[in-house]
Every structure is written in C-alpha cells, then in structure tokens.
Amino acid sequence: MLDIRGVDLPLLVSLDILLEEKHVTRAAARLHLSQPAMSAQLARLRALFDDALLVPADAGRGMLATPRALELQSPLRAALAMLGQAVRRDPPPFDPRTAERTFHIAGNDNAVLMLMLGVVQQVAASGGPQLKLAFRTPETEHLAGQMERGEIDLLVGGSRFIPANLHSAPVLLVQHRMAQRKGHPRGTRPLDLDAYCALRHIVVSTNGSFHAFMDDQLAQHGRTRSVPVAVAQYNLVPPMLAATDLVCTLPSRFLDRFEGQLDTFDLPLAVPPLDLSLAWHPRSEQDSGLRWLREQVLAAAPGMPQ
C-alpha cells in the first residue's frame, strides 16, 4: 500500500497533468516548469508507484499510459477536484433549487412566524426537493453548545436573549399592543393605566412564571396587574382570549394575524419595542447556504407590518 505521507501535493498535480497530456514537454509548459524538471518529477512518480506510468508510444509521438496509470487517473482527478473545492477562497454559490441541505432553526413560535414565514414561502415556491427547514424550540442551557457543534444553524429571537458569543443582525422592531376578544365586556374604549391593571392577563412564559416583561414595565410606575394564566407558546393565546374575558399584551406583528378574532389597543404606557434578531455561530460566517438563509429573512423584513 502506498504511504501518502511521502507524497507532496505538487507531485500529484503533476501526475494528473502528465496523464492528461501524455507528453512531458506539454505537461511542463502547462505547469510552467522546464522539461528536465518535469522529467525529474516523472522519475519520482515512477519510483513512488513502482510503475512506469507513461511509456514512449510506438509511433514516437507522445506517450502511453500503463494500466496502473489508467487506474489512477479517474480517482486522482476526483480527489484533486475535491481538495480544490475544500480550499477555495470563495465558497461555491448556494443554489436553493439544487441544494441538498436541512437548515436547523431555533426560535419560539412568535419569532419564527414573524421572521421566517418569508423563507418558508420561498422554499415552498422555488426550493428544490432536498432543501428543508427544521424549526425547533430553543433550549437556553444547551443553545451555545448546539450552535458550536452545528446542530442549530440559525437562532431567531429577541436581541436581549442572544448569547454574546454569537454573531447577530437586528431585523425588526415590533411594538406591543393589548388584545381582547371581540365583544369583550370592557368595550373598545381606549385604555388608561387603571383600566389596564384592573384586567386579568395571560402571559407567555416558557418556565411557567407569572411574571413577564410587562410586569417590569408596570413596576417602574409603581403598579401591578393580575396574571392568572401562563402559557408556553404564543399560539395558545388567541383561542384562550377568544373563549374568555382575559387579555394579553403581545407584539403587534403577531396580533395582526388574528384581527378577525381579536380587538387590539395601544398600551397606556410607553414600553420598549421587541427587537428581533438573527444569530449564528462565528464558524458559519462564510457558509454560503446560511448567508442565503439570512438574506431571505432580511429581504422580507422591511415589508413586514410592525
């Protein structure tokens, strides 16, 4: 068996050209070598493979490949092509029509709907059969390791939840509004702070806590509210609101999808908007597929209602 540790890459490149040209002088010209230098490389290759590799043609013009050389030619060409692709400075362009790839995207249902719907539409409309999107719920305690190992390609969510070791890009600012069912006994009059605090609220909490973002905002004004229900997913809120007199404060972009079921109102106090971002691991910075994925989100974001 050939010990490749004794083989330098230029020597294999020379063999590839020699087998293609079957002529020492022409091979030397293509590699910008002198004819004696090319002959010396052929001698080294013959010793390395213990085979003549190329022998003079009977007609005296050019050379003929030996059976051993013919066996080497195809796998050698394929190996050099793969190596060339691996060390290219610029990654090959990503074509969603032909790509064989599954993107793993972490984000809660609210962030995924607001930021990724355009990508889902793009993949459904023009992506090839081997281009797939796998959405999963973030596991905060495991997220850094999952992204480092490539188990998650992209994180979508609020900027304040993005780990510091990731690269990120802000995408969308979304204002908050309060939602209630159609026909709510409160009516549709504008909210004041007393009315808001007197209502009974649902909060979205992945850990079952009844304290949420709005409670911190109210505390700055010395106020509290009643929160009898906490749910883990945003999509559970609209049917619960429609069936009760509970209310909920949510991003307006999310509530826009339920305008036929719910009435929404400006909040009675100023609160910071939800700033949504994309995040990825630094090792994926030059990944052409992931760059395409980010571009799809960024292209769709400016047209999103806020």
C-alpha atoms as a PDB file:
ATOM      1  CA  MET A   1       0.000   0.000   0.000  1.00  0.00           C
ATOM      2  CA  LEU A   2       1.258   3.465  -0.907  1.00  0.00           C
ATOM      3  CA  ASP A   3       2.240   5.607   2.090  1.00  0.00           C
ATOM      4  CA  ILE A   4       0.851   9.023   1.140  1.00  0.00           C
ATOM      5  CA  ARG A   5       2.880  10.724   3.880  1.00  0.00           C
ATOM      6  CA  GLY A   6       5.787  10.676   1.444  1.00  0.00           C
ATOM      7  CA  VAL A   7       3.796  12.342  -1.336  1.00  0.00           C
ATOM      8  CA  ASP A   8       3.721  16.092  -1.821  1.00  0.00           C
ATOM      9  CA  LEU A   9       0.671  17.669  -3.438  1.00  0.00           C
ATOM     10  CA  PRO A  10       2.505  19.310  -6.402  1.00  0.00           C
ATOM     11  CA  LEU A  11       3.788  15.874  -7.403  1.00  0.00           C
ATOM     12  CA  LEU A  12       0.223  14.534  -7.632  1.00  0.00           C
ATOM     13  CA  VAL A  13      -0.856  17.614  -9.585  1.00  0.00           C
ATOM     14  CA  SER A  14       1.992  16.908 -11.992  1.00  0.00           C
ATOM     15  CA  LEU A  15       0.852  13.295 -12.356  1.00  0.00           C
ATOM     16  CA  ASP A  16      -2.682  14.462 -13.159  1.00  0.00           C
ATOM     17  CA  ILE A  17      -1.396  16.767 -15.921  1.00  0.00           C
ATOM     18  CA  LEU A  18       1.013  14.147 -17.257  1.00  0.00           C
ATOM     19  CA  LEU A  19      -1.775  11.579 -17.527  1.00  0.00           C
ATOM     20  CA  GLU A  20      -3.955  14.101 -19.323  1.00  0.00           C
ATOM     21  CA  GLU A  21      -1.311  15.337 -21.765  1.00  0.00           C
ATOM     22  CA  LYS A  22       0.681  12.087 -22.123  1.00  0.00           C
ATOM     23  CA  HIS A  23       3.542  14.322 -23.186  1.00  0.00           C
ATOM     24  CA  VAL A  24       6.334  15.557 -20.882  1.00  0.00           C
ATOM     25  CA  THR A  25       7.023  18.816 -22.758  1.00  0.00           C
ATOM     26  CA  ARG A  26       3.364  19.871 -22.956  1.00  0.00           C
ATOM     27  CA  ALA A  27       2.808  18.961 -19.294  1.00  0.00           C
ATOM     28  CA  ALA A  28       5.867  21.031 -18.352  1.00  0.00           C
ATOM     29  CA  ALA A  29       4.524  24.020 -20.274  1.00  0.00           C
ATOM     30  CA  ARG A  30       1.147  23.850 -18.508  1.00  0.00           C
ATOM     31  CA  LEU A  31       2.835  23.738 -15.106  1.00  0.00           C
ATOM     32  CA  HIS A  32       5.397  26.430 -16.011  1.00  0.00           C
ATOM     33  CA  LEU A  33       8.277  24.019 -15.460  1.00  0.00           C
ATOM     34  CA  SER A  34      11.293  23.195 -17.536  1.00  0.00           C
ATOM     35  CA  GLN A  35      11.299  19.934 -19.467  1.00  0.00           C
ATOM     36  CA  PRO A  36      14.142  18.473 -17.319  1.00  0.00           C
ATOM     37  CA  ALA A  37      12.233  19.396 -14.110  1.00  0.00           C
ATOM     38  CA  MET A  38       9.114  17.660 -15.458  1.00  0.00           C
ATOM     39  CA  SER A  39      11.161  14.574 -16.381  1.00  0.00           C
ATOM     40  CA  ALA A  40      12.606  14.528 -12.860  1.00  0.00           C
ATOM     41  CA  GLN A  41       9.109  14.611 -11.386  1.00  0.00           C
ATOM     42  CA  LEU A  42       8.034  11.739 -13.623  1.00  0.00           C
ATOM     43  CA  ALA A  43      11.021   9.746 -12.373  1.00  0.00           C
ATOM     44  CA  ARG A  44       9.975  10.385  -8.768  1.00  0.00           C
ATOM     45  CA  LEU A  45       6.416   9.302  -9.566  1.00  0.00           C
ATOM     46  CA  ARG A  46       7.637   6.089 -11.172  1.00  0.00           C
ATOM     47  CA  ALA A  47       9.631   5.270  -8.045  1.00  0.00           C
ATOM     48  CA  LEU A  48       6.726   6.195  -5.800  1.00  0.00           C
ATOM     49  CA  PHE A  49       4.178   3.978  -7.566  1.00  0.00           C
ATOM     50  CA  ASP A  50       6.705   1.337  -8.631  1.00  0.00           C
ATOM     51  CA  ASP A  51       5.340   1.573 -12.156  1.00  0.00           C
ATOM     52  CA  ALA A  52       6.479   3.190 -15.401  1.00  0.00           C
ATOM     53  CA  LEU A  53       3.141   5.110 -15.576  1.00  0.00           C
ATOM     54  CA  LEU A  54       3.945   6.535 -19.024  1.00  0.00           C
ATOM     55  CA  VAL A  55       5.940   4.787 -21.758  1.00  0.00           C
ATOM     56  CA  PRO A  56       7.000   6.027 -25.205  1.00  0.00           C
ATOM     57  CA  ALA A  57       4.440   5.446 -27.921  1.00  0.00           C
ATOM     58  CA  ASP A  58       5.457   3.096 -30.724  1.00  0.00           C
ATOM     59  CA  ALA A  59       4.931   5.827 -33.288  1.00  0.00           C
ATOM     60  CA  GLY A  60       7.411   8.007 -31.437  1.00  0.00           C
ATOM     61  CA  ARG A  61       4.938  10.816 -30.691  1.00  0.00           C
ATOM     62  CA  GLY A  62       3.816  11.278 -27.118  1.00  0.00           C
ATOM     63  CA  MET A  63       3.456   8.576 -24.510  1.00  0.00           C
ATOM     64  CA  LEU A  64       1.045   5.819 -23.497  1.00  0.00           C
ATOM     65  CA  ALA A  65      -0.382   5.318 -20.025  1.00  0.00           C
ATOM     66  CA  THR A  66       0.232   1.970 -18.369  1.00  0.00           C
ATOM     67  CA  PRO A  67      -2.712   0.010 -16.908  1.00  0.00           C
ATOM     68  CA  ARG A  68      -1.677   1.214 -13.449  1.00  0.00           C
ATOM     69  CA  ALA A  69      -1.730   4.833 -14.650  1.00  0.00           C
ATOM     70  CA  LEU A  70      -5.196   4.371 -16.144  1.00  0.00           C
ATOM     71  CA  GLU A  71      -6.437   3.031 -12.810  1.00  0.00           C
ATOM     72  CA  LEU A  72      -5.065   6.119 -11.065  1.00  0.00           C
ATOM     73  CA  GLN A  73      -6.321   8.756 -13.462  1.00  0.00           C
ATOM     74  CA  SER A  74     -10.007   8.977 -12.534  1.00  0.00           C
ATOM     75  CA  PRO A  75      -9.734   8.761  -8.715  1.00  0.00           C
ATOM     76  CA  LEU A  76      -6.753  11.135  -8.769  1.00  0.00           C
ATOM     77  CA  ARG A  77      -8.701  13.729 -10.767  1.00  0.00           C
ATOM     78  CA  ALA A  78     -11.703  13.402  -8.422  1.00  0.00           C
ATOM     79  CA  ALA A  79      -9.534  13.705  -5.301  1.00  0.00           C
ATOM     80  CA  LEU A  80      -7.771  16.823  -6.586  1.00  0.00           C
ATOM     81  CA  ALA A  81     -11.111  18.386  -7.530  1.00  0.00           C
ATOM     82  CA  MET A  82     -12.494  17.767  -4.033  1.00  0.00           C
ATOM     83  CA  LEU A  83      -9.349  19.160  -2.449  1.00  0.00           C
ATOM     84  CA  GLY A  84      -9.526  22.216  -4.681  1.00  0.00           C
ATOM     85  CA  GLN A  85     -13.127  22.809  -3.652  1.00  0.00           C
ATOM     86  CA  ALA A  86     -12.251  22.462   0.015  1.00  0.00           C
ATOM     87  CA  VAL A  87      -9.509  25.113  -0.099  1.00  0.00           C
ATOM     88  CA  ARG A  88     -11.175  27.619  -2.427  1.00  0.00           C
ATOM     89  CA  ARG A  89     -11.040  31.144  -1.030  1.00  0.00           C
ATOM     90  CA  ASP A  90     -14.635  31.858  -2.069  1.00  0.00           C
ATOM     91  CA  PRO A  91     -17.270  29.244  -1.198  1.00  0.00           C
ATOM     92  CA  PRO A  92     -19.389  27.974  -4.090  1.00  0.00           C
ATOM     93  CA  PRO A  93     -22.659  29.855  -4.594  1.00  0.00           C
ATOM     94  CA  PHE A  94     -25.695  28.403  -2.859  1.00  0.00           C
ATOM     95  CA  ASP A  95     -28.480  27.351  -5.212  1.00  0.00           C
ATOM     96  CA  PRO A  96     -31.718  26.569  -3.327  1.00  0.00           C
ATOM     97  CA  ARG A  97     -33.038  24.655  -6.354  1.00  0.00           C
ATOM     98  CA  THR A  98     -30.276  22.050  -6.233  1.00  0.00           C
ATOM     99  CA  ALA A  99     -29.032  22.217  -2.642  1.00  0.00           C
ATOM    100  CA  GLU A 100     -29.210  19.079  -0.510  1.00  0.00           C
ATOM    101  CA  ARG A 101     -29.417  20.624   2.936  1.00  0.00           C
ATOM    102  CA  THR A 102     -31.543  20.866   6.048  1.00  0.00           C
ATOM    103  CA  PHE A 103     -31.359  24.157   7.952  1.00  0.00           C
ATOM    104  CA  HIS A 104     -31.993  23.799  11.688  1.00  0.00           C
ATOM    105  CA  ILE A 105     -33.560  26.983  13.081  1.00  0.00           C
ATOM    106  CA  ALA A 106     -34.228  27.680  16.759  1.00  0.00           C
ATOM    107  CA  GLY A 107     -36.853  30.157  17.880  1.00  0.00           C
ATOM    108  CA  ASN A 108     -40.164  30.393  19.698  1.00  0.00           C
ATOM    109  CA  ASP A 109     -43.338  30.251  17.628  1.00  0.00           C
ATOM    110  CA  ASN A 110     -43.792  34.026  17.715  1.00  0.00           C
ATOM    111  CA  ALA A 111     -40.303  34.873  16.404  1.00  0.00           C
ATOM    112  CA  VAL A 112     -40.425  32.119  13.781  1.00  0.00           C
ATOM    113  CA  LEU A 113     -43.752  33.372  12.409  1.00  0.00           C
ATOM    114  CA  MET A 114     -42.608  36.981  12.288  1.00  0.00           C
ATOM    115  CA  LEU A 115     -39.176  36.394  10.774  1.00  0.00           C
ATOM    116  CA  MET A 116     -39.233  33.067   8.931  1.00  0.00           C
ATOM    117  CA  LEU A 117     -42.546  32.986   7.104  1.00  0.00           C
ATOM    118  CA  GLY A 118     -40.989  34.593   4.037  1.00  0.00           C
ATOM    119  CA  VAL A 119     -38.282  31.919   3.941  1.00  0.00           C
ATOM    120  CA  VAL A 120     -40.871  29.149   4.213  1.00  0.00           C
ATOM    121  CA  GLN A 121     -42.733  30.714   1.282  1.00  0.00           C
ATOM    122  CA  GLN A 122     -39.505  30.987  -0.729  1.00  0.00           C
ATOM    123  CA  VAL A 123     -38.569  27.357  -0.121  1.00  0.00           C
ATOM    124  CA  ALA A 124     -42.095  26.177  -0.950  1.00  0.00           C
ATOM    125  CA  ALA A 125     -42.155  28.212  -4.164  1.00  0.00           C
ATOM    126  CA  SER A 126     -38.676  27.713  -5.609  1.00  0.00           C
ATOM    127  CA  GLY A 127     -36.606  25.447  -3.359  1.00  0.00           C
ATOM    128  CA  GLY A 128     -35.560  22.032  -4.583  1.00  0.00           C
ATOM    129  CA  PRO A 129     -36.822  18.768  -3.104  1.00  0.00           C
ATOM    130  CA  GLN A 130     -33.711  18.344  -0.916  1.00  0.00           C
ATOM    131  CA  LEU A 131     -33.849  21.811   0.675  1.00  0.00           C
ATOM    132  CA  LYS A 132     -35.543  21.552   4.073  1.00  0.00           C
ATOM    133  CA  LEU A 133     -36.219  23.721   7.123  1.00  0.00           C
ATOM    134  CA  ALA A 134     -36.398  22.208  10.619  1.00  0.00           C
ATOM    135  CA  PHE A 135     -37.755  24.545  13.313  1.00  0.00           C
ATOM    136  CA  ARG A 136     -37.150  23.751  16.959  1.00  0.00           C
ATOM    137  CA  THR A 137     -37.731  25.349  20.350  1.00  0.00           C
ATOM    138  CA  PRO A 138     -34.556  26.871  21.837  1.00  0.00           C
ATOM    139  CA  GLU A 139     -33.095  25.125  24.878  1.00  0.00           C
ATOM    140  CA  THR A 140     -31.355  28.005  26.631  1.00  0.00           C
ATOM    141  CA  GLU A 141     -28.985  25.864  28.679  1.00  0.00           C
ATOM    142  CA  HIS A 142     -27.835  23.851  25.631  1.00  0.00           C
ATOM    143  CA  LEU A 143     -28.014  26.519  22.934  1.00  0.00           C
ATOM    144  CA  ALA A 144     -24.360  27.602  22.884  1.00  0.00           C
ATOM    145  CA  GLY A 145     -23.111  24.030  22.530  1.00  0.00           C
ATOM    146  CA  GLN A 146     -25.703  23.144  19.903  1.00  0.00           C
ATOM    147  CA  MET A 147     -24.688  26.078  17.725  1.00  0.00           C
ATOM    148  CA  GLU A 148     -20.991  25.397  18.218  1.00  0.00           C
ATOM    149  CA  ARG A 149     -21.497  21.789  17.092  1.00  0.00           C
ATOM    150  CA  GLY A 150     -23.612  22.831  14.100  1.00  0.00           C
ATOM    151  CA  GLU A 151     -26.769  21.193  15.439  1.00  0.00           C
ATOM    152  CA  ILE A 152     -28.521  24.574  15.095  1.00  0.00           C
ATOM    153  CA  ASP A 153     -27.701  26.854  12.154  1.00  0.00           C
ATOM    154  CA  LEU A 154     -29.704  29.959  12.990  1.00  0.00           C
ATOM    155  CA  LEU A 155     -31.307  31.454  16.084  1.00  0.00           C
ATOM    156  CA  VAL A 156     -34.226  33.882  15.757  1.00  0.00           C
ATOM    157  CA  GLY A 157     -35.481  35.867  18.703  1.00  0.00           C
ATOM    158  CA  GLY A 158     -35.278  38.958  20.871  1.00  0.00           C
ATOM    159  CA  SER A 159     -31.880  40.642  20.867  1.00  0.00           C
ATOM    160  CA  ARG A 160     -31.602  40.560  24.660  1.00  0.00           C
ATOM    161  CA  PHE A 161     -31.738  36.751  24.555  1.00  0.00           C
ATOM    162  CA  ILE A 162     -28.899  36.353  22.002  1.00  0.00           C
ATOM    163  CA  PRO A 163     -25.747  34.814  23.609  1.00  0.00           C
ATOM    164  CA  ALA A 164     -22.765  37.177  23.495  1.00  0.00           C
ATOM    165  CA  ASN A 165     -20.523  34.685  21.664  1.00  0.00           C
ATOM    166  CA  LEU A 166     -22.730  34.624  18.546  1.00  0.00           C
ATOM    167  CA  HIS A 167     -22.725  36.890  15.521  1.00  0.00           C
ATOM    168  CA  SER A 168     -26.078  38.617  15.095  1.00  0.00           C
ATOM    169  CA  ALA A 169     -28.007  41.085  12.968  1.00  0.00           C
ATOM    170  CA  PRO A 170     -31.051  43.123  14.052  1.00  0.00           C
ATOM    171  CA  VAL A 171     -34.004  42.559  11.755  1.00  0.00           C
ATOM    172  CA  LEU A 172     -37.256  44.024  13.048  1.00  0.00           C
ATOM    173  CA  LEU A 173     -38.654  46.307  15.746  1.00  0.00           C
ATOM    174  CA  VAL A 174     -42.197  45.416  16.782  1.00  0.00           C
ATOM    175  CA  GLN A 175     -44.448  47.475  19.062  1.00  0.00           C
ATOM    176  CA  HIS A 176     -46.636  45.831  21.721  1.00  0.00           C
ATOM    177  CA  ARG A 177     -50.429  46.047  21.933  1.00  0.00           C
ATOM    178  CA  MET A 178     -53.074  44.643  24.240  1.00  0.00           C
ATOM    179  CA  ALA A 179     -55.560  42.141  22.776  1.00  0.00           C
ATOM    180  CA  GLN A 180     -59.026  41.053  23.909  1.00  0.00           C
ATOM    181  CA  ARG A 181     -61.836  39.045  22.340  1.00  0.00           C
ATOM    182  CA  LYS A 182     -64.441  40.575  20.074  1.00  0.00           C
ATOM    183  CA  GLY A 183     -67.435  41.589  22.211  1.00  0.00           C
ATOM    184  CA  HIS A 184     -65.376  41.867  25.402  1.00  0.00           C
ATOM    185  CA  PRO A 185     -67.457  43.455  28.211  1.00  0.00           C
ATOM    186  CA  ARG A 186     -64.821  46.172  28.583  1.00  0.00           C
ATOM    187  CA  GLY A 187     -65.885  47.554  25.224  1.00  0.00           C
ATOM    188  CA  THR A 188     -63.489  49.151  22.755  1.00  0.00           C
ATOM    189  CA  ARG A 189     -62.697  52.410  24.521  1.00  0.00           C
ATOM    190  CA  PRO A 190     -59.017  53.405  24.769  1.00  0.00           C
ATOM    191  CA  LEU A 191     -57.036  52.052  27.698  1.00  0.00           C
ATOM    192  CA  ASP A 192     -55.811  54.019  30.673  1.00  0.00           C
ATOM    193  CA  LEU A 193     -53.373  52.645  33.228  1.00  0.00           C
ATOM    194  CA  ASP A 194     -56.044  51.945  35.846  1.00  0.00           C
ATOM    195  CA  ALA A 195     -58.181  50.002  33.374  1.00  0.00           C
ATOM    196  CA  TYR A 196     -55.180  48.016  32.134  1.00  0.00           C
ATOM    197  CA  CYS A 197     -54.112  46.994  35.656  1.00  0.00           C
ATOM    198  CA  ALA A 198     -57.672  46.036  36.625  1.00  0.00           C
ATOM    199  CA  LEU A 199     -57.942  43.454  33.826  1.00  0.00           C
ATOM    200  CA  ARG A 200     -56.906  39.799  34.180  1.00  0.00           C
ATOM    201  CA  HIS A 201     -53.948  38.914  31.948  1.00  0.00           C
ATOM    202  CA  ILE A 202     -52.367  35.927  30.198  1.00  0.00           C
ATOM    203  CA  VAL A 203     -48.571  35.856  29.925  1.00  0.00           C
ATOM    204  CA  VAL A 204     -46.313  33.766  27.701  1.00  0.00           C
ATOM    205  CA  SER A 205     -43.640  32.046  29.773  1.00  0.00           C
ATOM    206  CA  THR A 206     -41.534  29.029  28.864  1.00  0.00           C
ATOM    207  CA  ASN A 207     -40.835  28.221  32.530  1.00  0.00           C
ATOM    208  CA  GLY A 208     -44.311  28.686  33.975  1.00  0.00           C
ATOM    209  CA  SER A 209     -43.576  32.044  35.606  1.00  0.00           C
ATOM    210  CA  PHE A 210     -46.444  34.502  36.034  1.00  0.00           C
ATOM    211  CA  HIS A 211     -44.051  37.463  35.914  1.00  0.00           C
ATOM    212  CA  ALA A 212     -43.262  38.809  32.439  1.00  0.00           C
ATOM    213  CA  PHE A 213     -41.833  41.777  30.566  1.00  0.00           C
ATOM    214  CA  MET A 214     -44.882  43.989  31.153  1.00  0.00           C
ATOM    215  CA  ASP A 215     -44.737  43.436  34.908  1.00  0.00           C
ATOM    216  CA  ASP A 216     -41.266  45.015  34.942  1.00  0.00           C
ATOM    217  CA  GLN A 217     -42.616  47.975  32.970  1.00  0.00           C
ATOM    218  CA  LEU A 218     -45.561  48.426  35.362  1.00  0.00           C
ATOM    219  CA  ALA A 219     -43.268  48.194  38.380  1.00  0.00           C
ATOM    220  CA  GLN A 220     -41.422  51.279  37.140  1.00  0.00           C
ATOM    221  CA  HIS A 221     -44.722  53.144  37.602  1.00  0.00           C
ATOM    222  CA  GLY A 222     -45.424  51.532  40.966  1.00  0.00           C
ATOM    223  CA  ARG A 223     -48.225  49.383  39.517  1.00  0.00           C
ATOM    224  CA  THR A 224     -49.115  45.677  39.344  1.00  0.00           C
ATOM    225  CA  ARG A 225     -51.669  43.556  37.488  1.00  0.00           C
ATOM    226  CA  SER A 226     -53.498  40.253  37.924  1.00  0.00           C
ATOM    227  CA  VAL A 227     -51.989  37.326  35.941  1.00  0.00           C
ATOM    228  CA  PRO A 228     -53.984  34.096  36.448  1.00  0.00           C
ATOM    229  CA  VAL A 229     -52.744  32.215  33.334  1.00  0.00           C
ATOM    230  CA  ALA A 230     -49.274  31.480  31.910  1.00  0.00           C
ATOM    231  CA  VAL A 231     -48.721  29.530  28.687  1.00  0.00           C
ATOM    232  CA  ALA A 232     -45.542  28.320  26.988  1.00  0.00           C
ATOM    233  CA  GLN A 233     -46.494  29.156  23.381  1.00  0.00           C
ATOM    234  CA  TYR A 234     -47.781  32.326  21.754  1.00  0.00           C
ATOM    235  CA  ASN A 235     -50.174  30.396  19.516  1.00  0.00           C
ATOM    236  CA  LEU A 236     -52.126  29.217  22.569  1.00  0.00           C
ATOM    237  CA  VAL A 237     -53.085  32.787  23.491  1.00  0.00           C
ATOM    238  CA  PRO A 238     -55.603  33.748  20.735  1.00  0.00           C
ATOM    239  CA  PRO A 239     -58.006  30.811  21.316  1.00  0.00           C
ATOM    240  CA  MET A 240     -57.847  31.402  25.074  1.00  0.00           C
ATOM    241  CA  LEU A 241     -58.625  35.097  24.613  1.00  0.00           C
ATOM    242  CA  ALA A 242     -61.486  34.259  22.253  1.00  0.00           C
ATOM    243  CA  ALA A 243     -63.043  31.952  24.878  1.00  0.00           C
ATOM    244  CA  THR A 244     -62.612  34.173  27.972  1.00  0.00           C
ATOM    245  CA  ASP A 245     -62.532  37.757  29.210  1.00  0.00           C
ATOM    246  CA  LEU A 246     -58.782  37.549  29.757  1.00  0.00           C
ATOM    247  CA  VAL A 247     -56.453  39.933  27.898  1.00  0.00           C
ATOM    248  CA  CYS A 248     -52.840  39.688  26.770  1.00  0.00           C
ATOM    249  CA  THR A 249     -50.086  42.080  25.692  1.00  0.00           C
ATOM    250  CA  LEU A 250     -48.261  40.768  22.619  1.00  0.00           C
ATOM    251  CA  PRO A 251     -46.194  42.024  19.651  1.00  0.00           C
ATOM    252  CA  SER A 252     -48.404  43.753  17.106  1.00  0.00           C
ATOM    253  CA  ARG A 253     -46.984  41.737  14.214  1.00  0.00           C
ATOM    254  CA  PHE A 254     -48.223  38.556  15.892  1.00  0.00           C
ATOM    255  CA  LEU A 255     -51.655  40.026  16.687  1.00  0.00           C
ATOM    256  CA  ASP A 256     -52.161  41.184  13.093  1.00  0.00           C
ATOM    257  CA  ARG A 257     -52.769  37.540  12.165  1.00  0.00           C
ATOM    258  CA  PHE A 258     -55.832  37.380  14.404  1.00  0.00           C
ATOM    259  CA  GLU A 259     -57.566  40.669  13.584  1.00  0.00           C
ATOM    260  CA  GLY A 260     -60.766  38.776  12.739  1.00  0.00           C
ATOM    261  CA  GLN A 261     -60.932  37.273  16.238  1.00  0.00           C
ATOM    262  CA  LEU A 262     -59.421  39.924  18.459  1.00  0.00           C
ATOM    263  CA  ASP A 263     -59.545  43.657  19.090  1.00  0.00           C
ATOM    264  CA  THR A 264     -56.222  45.328  19.871  1.00  0.00           C
ATOM    265  CA  PHE A 265     -55.368  48.552  21.674  1.00  0.00           C
ATOM    266  CA  ASP A 266     -52.467  50.905  22.261  1.00  0.00           C
ATOM    267  CA  LEU A 267     -50.899  50.473  25.681  1.00  0.00           C
ATOM    268  CA  PRO A 268     -51.427  53.162  28.324  1.00  0.00           C
ATOM    269  CA  LEU A 269     -47.684  53.473  28.976  1.00  0.00           C
ATOM    270  CA  ALA A 270     -44.572  53.643  26.814  1.00  0.00           C
ATOM    271  CA  VAL A 271     -42.695  50.342  26.618  1.00  0.00           C
ATOM    272  CA  PRO A 272     -39.638  49.375  24.550  1.00  0.00           C
ATOM    273  CA  PRO A 273     -40.431  47.535  21.307  1.00  0.00           C
ATOM    274  CA  LEU A 274     -39.495  43.922  20.773  1.00  0.00           C
ATOM    275  CA  ASP A 275     -36.256  43.953  18.773  1.00  0.00           C
ATOM    276  CA  LEU A 276     -35.911  40.734  16.807  1.00  0.00           C
ATOM    277  CA  SER A 277     -32.547  39.496  15.553  1.00  0.00           C
ATOM    278  CA  LEU A 278     -30.916  36.630  13.698  1.00  0.00           C
ATOM    279  CA  ALA A 279     -27.879  34.963  15.279  1.00  0.00           C
ATOM    280  CA  TRP A 280     -25.361  32.398  14.059  1.00  0.00           C
ATOM    281  CA  HIS A 281     -22.079  30.922  15.253  1.00  0.00           C
ATOM    282  CA  PRO A 282     -18.878  32.693  14.073  1.00  0.00           C
ATOM    283  CA  ARG A 283     -17.649  29.490  12.430  1.00  0.00           C
ATOM    284  CA  SER A 284     -20.581  29.771   9.987  1.00  0.00           C
ATOM    285  CA  GLU A 285     -19.798  33.316   8.895  1.00  0.00           C
ATOM    286  CA  GLN A 286     -18.659  32.232   5.408  1.00  0.00           C
ATOM    287  CA  ASP A 287     -21.271  29.494   4.967  1.00  0.00           C
ATOM    288  CA  SER A 288     -22.903  30.381   1.628  1.00  0.00           C
ATOM    289  CA  GLY A 289     -26.088  28.475   2.440  1.00  0.00           C
ATOM    290  CA  LEU A 290     -26.545  30.201   5.765  1.00  0.00           C
ATOM    291  CA  ARG A 291     -25.798  33.547   4.139  1.00  0.00           C
ATOM    292  CA  TRP A 292     -28.590  32.836   1.638  1.00  0.00           C
ATOM    293  CA  LEU A 293     -30.932  31.998   4.516  1.00  0.00           C
ATOM    294  CA  ARG A 294     -30.150  35.261   6.302  1.00  0.00           C
ATOM    295  CA  GLU A 295     -30.621  37.228   3.102  1.00  0.00           C
ATOM    296  CA  GLN A 296     -34.109  35.792   2.635  1.00  0.00           C
ATOM    297  CA  VAL A 297     -35.121  36.962   6.110  1.00  0.00           C
ATOM    298  CA  LEU A 298     -33.571  40.405   5.713  1.00  0.00           C
ATOM    299  CA  ALA A 299     -35.181  40.877   2.301  1.00  0.00           C
ATOM    300  CA  ALA A 300     -38.638  40.146   3.706  1.00  0.00           C
ATOM    301  CA  ALA A 301     -38.300  42.099   6.946  1.00  0.00           C
ATOM    302  CA  PRO A 302     -38.664  45.704   5.656  1.00  0.00           C
ATOM    303  CA  GLY A 303     -42.097  44.908   4.228  1.00  0.00           C
ATOM    304  CA  MET A 304     -43.436  43.410   7.442  1.00  0.00           C
ATOM    305  CA  PRO A 305     -46.064  45.422   9.283  1.00  0.00           C
ATOM    306  CA  GLN A 306     -44.937  46.419  12.761  1.00  0.00           C
END
